[in-house]
Amino acid sequence: MDQETNNLLREILLWLRFQSLDKAKAAVSSLLDTDKKKIIFEHTDGKASSRGLAAKHTVDRGAILRWWGDWFTAGIIVKKGDTYSRLFSLKELGIKLPDGVISKDPVEQES
């Protein structure tokens, strides 16, 4: 693709994200109704396994797998190989993270 096409696609992506923010924030607010869910969501980066997250954050692995299923169905995470990746960080949506949780860099989207 040429540079003009790339620039146009980037602009379209920005507008789509802008138009979707309120819907995403509403979905996330209702689905992430506990600090544990917010922490697991924020660390769902396409690299972390359910076992690793469960051990690190003292959350039942079965709960994480159920949450991932719910979040995938709602469209706020995507499947990446054997794990999942969030589409956006809570910080990007203006949602306060639980104390002591540091937001990872925004998730890079693969084309």
Protein backbone atom coordinates (compact mmCIF):
# COMPACT_ATOMS: atom_id res chain seq x y z
CA MET A 1 0.00 0.00 0.00
CA ASP A 2 1.13 3.54 -0.59
CA GLN A 3 1.55 6.19 2.12
CA GLU A 4 -1.71 7.97 1.28
CA THR A 5 -3.69 4.74 1.74
CA ASN A 6 -1.94 4.05 5.04
CA ASN A 7 -2.71 7.55 6.30
CA LEU A 8 -6.35 7.20 5.30
CA LEU A 9 -6.65 3.83 7.05
CA ARG A 10 -5.10 5.29 10.22
CA GLU A 11 -7.60 8.16 10.17
CA ILE A 12 -10.51 5.77 9.67
CA LEU A 13 -9.26 3.67 12.59
CA LEU A 14 -9.08 6.75 14.84
CA TRP A 15 -12.66 7.70 14.02
CA LEU A 16 -13.91 4.15 14.57
CA ARG A 17 -12.19 4.04 17.96
CA PHE A 18 -13.68 7.43 18.85
CA GLN A 19 -17.19 6.34 17.89
CA SER A 20 -16.84 3.10 19.85
CA LEU A 21 -15.45 4.49 23.12
CA ASP A 22 -18.78 5.02 24.88
CA LYS A 23 -20.03 1.56 23.92
CA ALA A 24 -16.75 -0.04 25.01
CA LYS A 25 -16.75 1.85 28.31
CA ALA A 26 -20.33 0.76 29.06
CA ALA A 27 -19.55 -2.88 28.25
CA VAL A 28 -16.36 -2.87 30.29
CA SER A 29 -18.00 -1.14 33.26
CA SER A 30 -20.70 -3.80 33.50
CA LEU A 31 -18.40 -6.77 32.84
CA LEU A 32 -15.51 -5.70 35.08
CA ASP A 33 -17.48 -5.21 38.27
CA THR A 34 -14.71 -6.22 40.71
CA ASP A 35 -11.10 -5.17 41.21
CA LYS A 36 -9.94 -8.73 40.50
CA LYS A 37 -11.65 -8.70 37.11
CA LYS A 38 -10.11 -5.31 36.29
CA ILE A 39 -6.66 -6.59 37.23
CA ILE A 40 -7.00 -9.76 35.15
CA PHE A 41 -8.42 -7.80 32.20
CA GLU A 42 -5.55 -5.30 32.32
CA HIS A 43 -3.01 -8.14 32.27
CA THR A 44 -4.76 -10.05 29.46
CA ASP A 45 -2.08 -9.11 26.95
CA GLY A 46 -1.91 -12.08 24.60
CA LYS A 47 1.16 -13.42 26.40
CA ALA A 48 -0.09 -14.17 29.92
CA SER A 49 -1.58 -17.61 30.51
CA SER A 50 -4.55 -18.30 32.74
CA ARG A 51 -2.26 -20.34 35.01
CA GLY A 52 0.25 -17.52 35.28
CA LEU A 53 -2.41 -14.92 35.98
CA ALA A 54 -4.11 -17.16 38.54
CA ALA A 55 -0.87 -17.71 40.43
CA LYS A 56 0.29 -14.10 40.28
CA HIS A 57 -3.03 -12.56 41.33
CA THR A 58 -4.44 -15.34 43.55
CA VAL A 59 -7.51 -15.83 41.39
CA ASP A 60 -9.06 -19.20 40.58
CA ARG A 61 -7.96 -20.31 37.10
CA GLY A 62 -11.48 -21.52 36.34
CA ALA A 63 -12.82 -18.04 37.08
CA ILE A 64 -10.30 -16.50 34.69
CA LEU A 65 -11.29 -18.93 31.95
CA ARG A 66 -14.99 -18.10 32.52
CA TRP A 67 -14.27 -14.37 32.48
CA TRP A 68 -12.27 -14.71 29.28
CA GLY A 69 -15.20 -16.54 27.69
CA ASP A 70 -17.62 -13.81 28.76
CA TRP A 71 -15.28 -11.04 27.61
CA PHE A 72 -14.62 -12.75 24.27
CA THR A 73 -18.37 -13.10 23.68
CA ALA A 74 -18.83 -9.40 24.55
CA GLY A 75 -16.06 -8.47 22.11
CA ILE A 76 -13.68 -6.74 24.53
CA ILE A 77 -10.88 -9.32 24.09
CA VAL A 78 -9.68 -11.33 21.10
CA LYS A 79 -8.24 -14.84 20.88
CA LYS A 80 -4.49 -14.98 20.25
CA GLY A 81 -3.28 -18.53 19.87
CA ASP A 82 -3.83 -20.30 23.17
CA THR A 83 -4.64 -17.15 25.13
CA TYR A 84 -6.47 -13.82 24.80
CA SER A 85 -5.59 -10.16 24.40
CA ARG A 86 -7.55 -7.07 25.43
CA LEU A 87 -8.48 -4.59 22.73
CA PHE A 88 -7.72 -1.56 24.90
CA SER A 89 -6.50 -0.71 28.35
CA LEU A 90 -8.75 0.54 31.10
CA LYS A 91 -6.68 3.73 31.13
CA GLU A 92 -7.55 4.31 27.46
CA LEU A 93 -11.24 4.21 28.45
CA GLY A 94 -10.74 6.54 31.40
CA ILE A 95 -11.49 3.80 33.94
CA LYS A 96 -9.51 3.98 37.16
CA LEU A 97 -7.30 0.99 37.85
CA PRO A 98 -7.30 -0.60 41.29
CA ASP A 99 -4.59 0.75 43.60
CA GLY A 100 -1.16 -0.71 42.89
CA VAL A 101 -1.99 -1.83 39.33
CA ILE A 102 0.11 -0.32 36.59
CA SER A 103 -1.32 -0.22 33.09
CA LYS A 104 0.75 -1.98 30.48
CA ASP A 105 1.52 -0.24 27.21
CA PRO A 106 -1.46 -0.10 24.86
CA VAL A 107 -1.99 -3.37 23.05
CA GLU A 108 -0.62 -3.38 19.52
CA GLN A 109 -3.16 -4.51 16.97
CA GLU A 110 -2.03 -7.04 14.40
CA SER A 111 -3.14 -6.62 10.83
